[in-house]
Amino acid sequence: MIAIPRPVGGVVGTGTYDTDLRDPTRCDSTKSPFGRTITVTNLDNQRSLQCVSDVVPDQGVDDDHAVVLNPDAFAEIADFTEAPVPVRVTW
């Protein structure tokens, strides 16, 4: 039996940070499924991280961005002066 790979969900958009987000393992993403571990990749430098999507789609506080990260998490993929950055979010 040949395994057929499951398609990966994902979106391309912008990523930024918010000092109100206290937990670096959680992120606000209205574009991805709630509670899912997502991978956020900075398209400018290919650095990436994983976090758990913490906002129910269509009920987020910042629908302008594909993802909003804790500042410590954002620093893993970009410098603060670059925000917002182009990102790919996959799950």
N, C-alpha and C. Protein backbone atom coordinates (compact mmCIF):
# COMPACT_ATOMS: atom_id res chain seq x y z
N MET A 1 0.84 -1.17 0.00
CA MET A 1 0.00 0.00 0.00
C MET A 1 0.89 1.24 0.00
N ILE A 2 0.60 2.16 -0.85
CA ILE A 2 1.36 3.40 -0.94
C ILE A 2 0.64 4.47 -0.13
N ALA A 3 1.41 5.12 0.73
CA ALA A 3 0.83 6.19 1.54
C ALA A 3 0.76 7.47 0.71
N ILE A 4 -0.39 8.08 0.73
CA ILE A 4 -0.57 9.35 0.03
C ILE A 4 -0.36 10.46 1.04
N PRO A 5 0.60 11.37 0.77
CA PRO A 5 0.84 12.43 1.75
C PRO A 5 -0.39 13.32 1.93
N ARG A 6 -0.64 13.66 3.16
CA ARG A 6 -1.74 14.57 3.49
C ARG A 6 -1.33 15.98 3.12
N PRO A 7 -2.19 16.72 2.44
CA PRO A 7 -1.84 18.09 2.10
C PRO A 7 -1.62 18.93 3.35
N VAL A 8 -0.65 19.79 3.28
CA VAL A 8 -0.33 20.68 4.40
C VAL A 8 -1.16 21.95 4.26
N GLY A 9 -1.79 22.37 5.36
CA GLY A 9 -2.52 23.62 5.34
C GLY A 9 -1.53 24.76 5.54
N GLY A 10 -1.86 25.90 5.04
CA GLY A 10 -0.97 27.03 5.26
C GLY A 10 -1.45 28.29 4.59
N VAL A 11 -0.86 29.39 5.01
CA VAL A 11 -1.15 30.70 4.45
C VAL A 11 0.14 31.50 4.41
N VAL A 12 0.15 32.49 3.54
CA VAL A 12 1.25 33.45 3.48
C VAL A 12 0.66 34.80 3.87
N GLY A 13 1.38 35.53 4.68
CA GLY A 13 0.92 36.84 5.14
C GLY A 13 2.04 37.54 5.87
N THR A 14 1.66 38.32 6.88
CA THR A 14 2.67 39.02 7.66
C THR A 14 2.64 38.53 9.10
N GLY A 15 3.78 38.67 9.75
CA GLY A 15 3.89 38.31 11.15
C GLY A 15 4.45 39.47 11.94
N THR A 16 3.98 39.63 13.15
CA THR A 16 4.46 40.70 14.02
C THR A 16 4.46 40.19 15.45
N TYR A 17 4.63 41.10 16.40
CA TYR A 17 4.65 40.71 17.81
C TYR A 17 3.79 41.65 18.63
N ASP A 18 3.46 41.21 19.85
CA ASP A 18 2.65 42.01 20.76
C ASP A 18 3.14 41.73 22.18
N THR A 19 3.46 42.77 22.91
CA THR A 19 3.97 42.60 24.27
C THR A 19 2.91 42.06 25.23
N ASP A 20 1.64 42.08 24.84
CA ASP A 20 0.58 41.52 25.68
C ASP A 20 0.58 40.00 25.67
N LEU A 21 1.23 39.40 24.69
CA LEU A 21 1.31 37.94 24.63
C LEU A 21 2.43 37.48 25.56
N ARG A 22 2.08 36.82 26.64
CA ARG A 22 3.05 36.46 27.69
C ARG A 22 3.77 35.14 27.45
N ASP A 23 3.11 34.19 26.81
CA ASP A 23 3.66 32.84 26.64
C ASP A 23 4.29 32.70 25.26
N PRO A 24 5.62 32.49 25.18
CA PRO A 24 6.28 32.39 23.87
C PRO A 24 5.91 31.13 23.09
N THR A 25 5.25 30.17 23.73
CA THR A 25 4.86 28.96 23.01
C THR A 25 3.48 29.08 22.37
N ARG A 26 2.76 30.17 22.66
CA ARG A 26 1.43 30.41 22.11
C ARG A 26 1.51 31.59 21.13
N CYS A 27 0.63 31.61 20.15
CA CYS A 27 0.60 32.71 19.19
C CYS A 27 -0.84 32.95 18.75
N ASP A 28 -1.11 34.16 18.33
CA ASP A 28 -2.43 34.52 17.83
C ASP A 28 -2.41 34.38 16.31
N SER A 29 -3.24 33.50 15.81
CA SER A 29 -3.34 33.31 14.37
C SER A 29 -4.77 33.03 13.99
N THR A 30 -5.42 34.02 13.40
CA THR A 30 -6.80 33.83 12.97
C THR A 30 -6.87 33.06 11.67
N LYS A 31 -5.71 32.80 11.06
CA LYS A 31 -5.67 32.13 9.76
C LYS A 31 -5.46 30.62 9.88
N SER A 32 -5.19 30.12 11.08
CA SER A 32 -4.91 28.69 11.26
C SER A 32 -5.88 28.08 12.26
N PRO A 33 -5.98 26.75 12.28
CA PRO A 33 -6.91 26.08 13.20
C PRO A 33 -6.53 26.31 14.66
N PHE A 34 -7.53 26.57 15.48
CA PHE A 34 -7.34 26.81 16.92
C PHE A 34 -6.71 25.58 17.58
N GLY A 35 -5.72 25.82 18.43
CA GLY A 35 -5.11 24.76 19.21
C GLY A 35 -4.10 23.91 18.46
N ARG A 36 -3.85 24.21 17.22
CA ARG A 36 -2.93 23.43 16.39
C ARG A 36 -1.51 23.98 16.52
N THR A 37 -0.52 23.10 16.55
CA THR A 37 0.86 23.55 16.50
C THR A 37 1.14 23.98 15.07
N ILE A 38 1.61 25.22 14.93
CA ILE A 38 1.88 25.76 13.60
C ILE A 38 3.36 26.10 13.50
N THR A 39 3.84 26.13 12.28
CA THR A 39 5.22 26.55 12.00
C THR A 39 5.15 27.90 11.31
N VAL A 40 5.90 28.84 11.85
CA VAL A 40 5.96 30.20 11.29
C VAL A 40 7.35 30.38 10.69
N THR A 41 7.42 30.65 9.40
CA THR A 41 8.69 30.82 8.71
C THR A 41 8.79 32.23 8.16
N ASN A 42 9.84 32.93 8.53
CA ASN A 42 10.13 34.26 7.99
C ASN A 42 10.62 34.07 6.56
N LEU A 43 9.90 34.61 5.59
CA LEU A 43 10.25 34.42 4.19
C LEU A 43 11.48 35.21 3.76
N ASP A 44 11.89 36.19 4.56
CA ASP A 44 13.09 36.97 4.23
C ASP A 44 14.38 36.22 4.57
N ASN A 45 14.36 35.40 5.64
CA ASN A 45 15.60 34.75 6.07
C ASN A 45 15.45 33.25 6.31
N GLN A 46 14.26 32.71 6.13
CA GLN A 46 13.95 31.27 6.28
C GLN A 46 14.06 30.75 7.72
N ARG A 47 14.21 31.64 8.70
CA ARG A 47 14.19 31.19 10.10
C ARG A 47 12.75 30.87 10.48
N SER A 48 12.60 29.84 11.31
CA SER A 48 11.24 29.43 11.67
C SER A 48 11.15 29.03 13.14
N LEU A 49 9.92 28.94 13.60
CA LEU A 49 9.63 28.50 14.96
C LEU A 49 8.28 27.84 14.95
N GLN A 50 7.99 27.16 16.05
CA GLN A 50 6.68 26.55 16.22
C GLN A 50 5.99 27.15 17.43
N CYS A 51 4.66 27.28 17.34
CA CYS A 51 3.86 27.78 18.44
C CYS A 51 2.46 27.18 18.31
N VAL A 52 1.67 27.33 19.33
CA VAL A 52 0.30 26.81 19.32
C VAL A 52 -0.65 27.95 19.03
N SER A 53 -1.46 27.78 18.01
CA SER A 53 -2.44 28.78 17.60
C SER A 53 -3.49 28.96 18.69
N ASP A 54 -3.64 30.20 19.13
CA ASP A 54 -4.44 30.47 20.33
C ASP A 54 -5.69 31.30 20.08
N VAL A 55 -6.02 31.57 18.84
CA VAL A 55 -7.19 32.39 18.54
C VAL A 55 -8.11 31.62 17.61
N VAL A 56 -9.38 31.62 17.93
CA VAL A 56 -10.36 30.98 17.06
C VAL A 56 -10.49 31.82 15.79
N PRO A 57 -10.38 31.19 14.60
CA PRO A 57 -10.53 31.96 13.36
C PRO A 57 -11.78 32.81 13.36
N ASP A 58 -11.67 33.98 12.79
CA ASP A 58 -12.74 34.97 12.68
C ASP A 58 -13.12 35.60 14.02
N GLN A 59 -12.36 35.32 15.08
CA GLN A 59 -12.62 35.96 16.36
C GLN A 59 -11.35 36.59 16.93
N GLY A 60 -10.33 36.74 16.10
CA GLY A 60 -9.05 37.26 16.56
C GLY A 60 -9.07 38.76 16.74
N VAL A 61 -8.09 39.24 17.44
CA VAL A 61 -7.99 40.66 17.70
C VAL A 61 -7.28 41.40 16.59
N ASP A 62 -6.43 40.70 15.82
CA ASP A 62 -5.67 41.36 14.76
C ASP A 62 -5.73 40.51 13.50
N ASP A 63 -6.75 40.69 12.72
CA ASP A 63 -6.94 39.89 11.51
C ASP A 63 -6.07 40.39 10.36
N ASP A 64 -5.33 41.49 10.57
CA ASP A 64 -4.48 42.02 9.51
C ASP A 64 -3.23 41.17 9.29
N HIS A 65 -2.82 40.41 10.29
CA HIS A 65 -1.59 39.62 10.22
C HIS A 65 -1.92 38.13 10.23
N ALA A 66 -1.08 37.35 9.56
CA ALA A 66 -1.25 35.90 9.59
C ALA A 66 -0.96 35.35 10.97
N VAL A 67 -0.03 36.01 11.71
CA VAL A 67 0.32 35.55 13.05
C VAL A 67 0.87 36.71 13.87
N VAL A 68 0.55 36.70 15.16
CA VAL A 68 1.10 37.66 16.12
C VAL A 68 1.80 36.84 17.19
N LEU A 69 3.08 37.14 17.43
CA LEU A 69 3.91 36.35 18.33
C LEU A 69 4.27 37.10 19.60
N ASN A 70 4.64 36.35 20.61
CA ASN A 70 5.27 36.90 21.80
C ASN A 70 6.60 37.54 21.36
N PRO A 71 7.04 38.63 21.97
CA PRO A 71 8.29 39.28 21.55
C PRO A 71 9.50 38.35 21.55
N ASP A 72 9.63 37.48 22.55
CA ASP A 72 10.77 36.55 22.58
C ASP A 72 10.72 35.59 21.40
N ALA A 73 9.53 35.13 21.06
CA ALA A 73 9.39 34.24 19.91
C ALA A 73 9.70 34.98 18.62
N PHE A 74 9.18 36.20 18.48
CA PHE A 74 9.44 36.98 17.27
C PHE A 74 10.93 37.18 17.06
N ALA A 75 11.66 37.42 18.16
CA ALA A 75 13.11 37.65 18.07
C ALA A 75 13.85 36.43 17.52
N GLU A 76 13.24 35.25 17.57
CA GLU A 76 13.86 34.05 17.00
C GLU A 76 13.87 34.08 15.48
N ILE A 77 12.93 34.82 14.88
CA ILE A 77 12.84 34.81 13.42
C ILE A 77 13.16 36.16 12.77
N ALA A 78 13.20 37.24 13.57
CA ALA A 78 13.46 38.56 12.98
C ALA A 78 13.85 39.57 14.05
N ASP A 79 14.39 40.67 13.61
CA ASP A 79 14.69 41.79 14.49
C ASP A 79 13.41 42.61 14.65
N PHE A 80 13.22 43.17 15.83
CA PHE A 80 12.00 43.96 16.10
C PHE A 80 11.82 45.10 15.10
N THR A 81 12.91 45.69 14.63
CA THR A 81 12.81 46.82 13.71
C THR A 81 12.28 46.42 12.34
N GLU A 82 12.23 45.11 12.07
CA GLU A 82 11.76 44.64 10.77
C GLU A 82 10.25 44.38 10.74
N ALA A 83 9.60 44.42 11.90
CA ALA A 83 8.18 44.06 11.98
C ALA A 83 7.31 45.05 11.23
N PRO A 84 6.29 44.57 10.55
CA PRO A 84 5.94 43.17 10.32
C PRO A 84 6.81 42.56 9.21
N VAL A 85 6.95 41.24 9.27
CA VAL A 85 7.75 40.52 8.28
C VAL A 85 6.87 39.57 7.49
N PRO A 86 7.27 39.27 6.25
CA PRO A 86 6.50 38.30 5.47
C PRO A 86 6.73 36.89 6.03
N VAL A 87 5.65 36.15 6.25
CA VAL A 87 5.76 34.81 6.82
C VAL A 87 4.89 33.80 6.06
N ARG A 88 5.29 32.55 6.20
CA ARG A 88 4.44 31.44 5.78
C ARG A 88 4.06 30.73 7.07
N VAL A 89 2.78 30.48 7.27
CA VAL A 89 2.27 29.76 8.43
C VAL A 89 1.72 28.43 7.92
N THR A 90 2.27 27.32 8.46
CA THR A 90 1.81 26.00 8.03
C THR A 90 1.39 25.17 9.23
N TRP A 91 0.51 24.25 9.00
CA TRP A 91 0.04 23.34 10.05
C TRP A 91 -0.24 21.97 9.46
